């Protein structure tokens, strides 16, 4: 039996944690503190204020926004 491969933004999480020394939950908390900013504003904040690369910042923001999106009724 093989484990399902992680896809999408979450596939970056192990390398983000290793490269920047903080758990994903910390990065998500930073993103949430800047709501209601737009996606690219949040990406720019992670890049400029915390030195995260564009792809990693985009993955954190995309995943966090998707998690926090209100469920359709």
C-alpha atoms as a PDB file:
ATOM      1  CA  UNK A   1       0.000   0.000   0.000  1.00  0.00           C
ATOM      2  CA  UNK A   2       1.353   3.434  -0.932  1.00  0.00           C
ATOM      3  CA  UNK A   3       0.599   6.676   0.840  1.00  0.00           C
ATOM      4  CA  UNK A   4      -1.226   9.343  -1.132  1.00  0.00           C
ATOM      5  CA  UNK A   5       1.165  11.975  -2.413  1.00  0.00           C
ATOM      6  CA  UNK A   6       0.464  15.471  -1.103  1.00  0.00           C
ATOM      7  CA  UNK A   7      -0.509  17.814  -3.930  1.00  0.00           C
ATOM      8  CA  UNK A   8      -1.087  21.517  -4.314  1.00  0.00           C
ATOM      9  CA  UNK A   9       0.213  24.220  -1.999  1.00  0.00           C
ATOM     10  CA  UNK A  10       0.638  21.805   0.931  1.00  0.00           C
ATOM     11  CA  UNK A  11       3.335  19.964  -1.021  1.00  0.00           C
ATOM     12  CA  UNK A  12       5.622  22.950  -0.328  1.00  0.00           C
ATOM     13  CA  UNK A  13       5.125  22.908   3.438  1.00  0.00           C
ATOM     14  CA  UNK A  14       8.050  20.644   4.434  1.00  0.00           C
ATOM     15  CA  UNK A  15      10.517  22.758   2.433  1.00  0.00           C
ATOM     16  CA  UNK A  16       9.000  26.014   3.755  1.00  0.00           C
ATOM     17  CA  UNK A  17       9.379  24.848   7.355  1.00  0.00           C
ATOM     18  CA  UNK A  18      12.956  23.702   6.706  1.00  0.00           C
ATOM     19  CA  UNK A  19      13.993  26.844   4.819  1.00  0.00           C
ATOM     20  CA  UNK A  20      12.475  29.422   7.173  1.00  0.00           C
ATOM     21  CA  UNK A  21      12.581  27.588  10.512  1.00  0.00           C
ATOM     22  CA  UNK A  22       8.971  28.098  11.523  1.00  0.00           C
ATOM     23  CA  UNK A  23       5.928  25.813  11.357  1.00  0.00           C
ATOM     24  CA  UNK A  24       3.276  26.488   8.734  1.00  0.00           C
ATOM     25  CA  UNK A  25       0.828  27.414  11.492  1.00  0.00           C
ATOM     26  CA  UNK A  26       3.042  30.433  12.319  1.00  0.00           C
ATOM     27  CA  UNK A  27       3.015  31.593   8.704  1.00  0.00           C
ATOM     28  CA  UNK A  28      -0.739  31.097   8.495  1.00  0.00           C
ATOM     29  CA  UNK A  29      -1.218  33.173  11.649  1.00  0.00           C
ATOM     30  CA  UNK A  30       0.790  36.005  10.067  1.00  0.00           C
ATOM     31  CA  UNK A  31      -1.369  35.850   6.947  1.00  0.00           C
ATOM     32  CA  UNK A  32      -4.561  35.899   9.008  1.00  0.00           C
ATOM     33  CA  UNK A  33      -3.338  38.923  10.989  1.00  0.00           C
ATOM     34  CA  UNK A  34      -3.315  40.894   7.725  1.00  0.00           C
ATOM     35  CA  UNK A  35      -6.875  40.067   6.636  1.00  0.00           C
ATOM     36  CA  UNK A  36      -8.802  41.350   4.751  1.00  0.00           C
ATOM     37  CA  UNK A  37      -5.874  41.978   2.381  1.00  0.00           C
ATOM     38  CA  UNK A  38      -5.957  40.484  -1.106  1.00  0.00           C
ATOM     39  CA  UNK A  39      -3.987  37.415  -2.148  1.00  0.00           C
ATOM     40  CA  UNK A  40      -1.084  39.239  -3.789  1.00  0.00           C
ATOM     41  CA  UNK A  41      -0.896  41.788  -0.976  1.00  0.00           C
ATOM     42  CA  UNK A  42      -0.449  38.903   1.460  1.00  0.00           C
ATOM     43  CA  UNK A  43       2.210  37.320  -0.765  1.00  0.00           C
ATOM     44  CA  UNK A  44       4.047  40.650  -0.962  1.00  0.00           C
ATOM     45  CA  UNK A  45       3.920  41.024   2.833  1.00  0.00           C
ATOM     46  CA  UNK A  46       5.492  37.590   3.399  1.00  0.00           C
ATOM     47  CA  UNK A  47       8.176  38.343   0.824  1.00  0.00           C
ATOM     48  CA  UNK A  48       9.088  41.853   1.947  1.00  0.00           C
ATOM     49  CA  UNK A  49       8.677  41.546   5.713  1.00  0.00           C
ATOM     50  CA  UNK A  50       9.849  37.948   6.196  1.00  0.00           C
ATOM     51  CA  UNK A  51      12.086  37.152   3.216  1.00  0.00           C
ATOM     52  CA  UNK A  52      10.018  34.252   1.958  1.00  0.00           C
ATOM     53  CA  UNK A  53      10.414  33.378  -1.718  1.00  0.00           C
ATOM     54  CA  UNK A  54       7.518  34.044  -4.073  1.00  0.00           C
ATOM     55  CA  UNK A  55       6.510  30.413  -4.622  1.00  0.00           C
ATOM     56  CA  UNK A  56       6.566  29.586  -0.923  1.00  0.00           C
ATOM     57  CA  UNK A  57       4.670  32.749   0.016  1.00  0.00           C
ATOM     58  CA  UNK A  58       2.082  32.042  -2.661  1.00  0.00           C
ATOM     59  CA  UNK A  59       1.613  28.474  -1.400  1.00  0.00           C
ATOM     60  CA  UNK A  60       1.063  29.598   2.207  1.00  0.00           C
ATOM     61  CA  UNK A  61      -1.397  32.304   1.183  1.00  0.00           C
ATOM     62  CA  UNK A  62      -3.327  30.105  -1.258  1.00  0.00           C
ATOM     63  CA  UNK A  63      -3.678  27.299   1.274  1.00  0.00           C
ATOM     64  CA  UNK A  64      -4.679  29.646   4.098  1.00  0.00           C
ATOM     65  CA  UNK A  65      -7.262  31.500   2.026  1.00  0.00           C
ATOM     66  CA  UNK A  66      -8.735  28.205   0.806  1.00  0.00           C
ATOM     67  CA  UNK A  67      -8.954  26.935   4.390  1.00  0.00           C
ATOM     68  CA  UNK A  68     -10.672  30.102   5.572  1.00  0.00           C
ATOM     69  CA  UNK A  69     -13.078  30.457   2.651  1.00  0.00           C
ATOM     70  CA  UNK A  70     -16.674  30.301   3.873  1.00  0.00           C
ATOM     71  CA  UNK A  71     -18.416  27.078   2.922  1.00  0.00           C
ATOM     72  CA  UNK A  72     -20.997  27.392   0.180  1.00  0.00           C
ATOM     73  CA  UNK A  73     -24.511  26.822   1.402  1.00  0.00           C
END
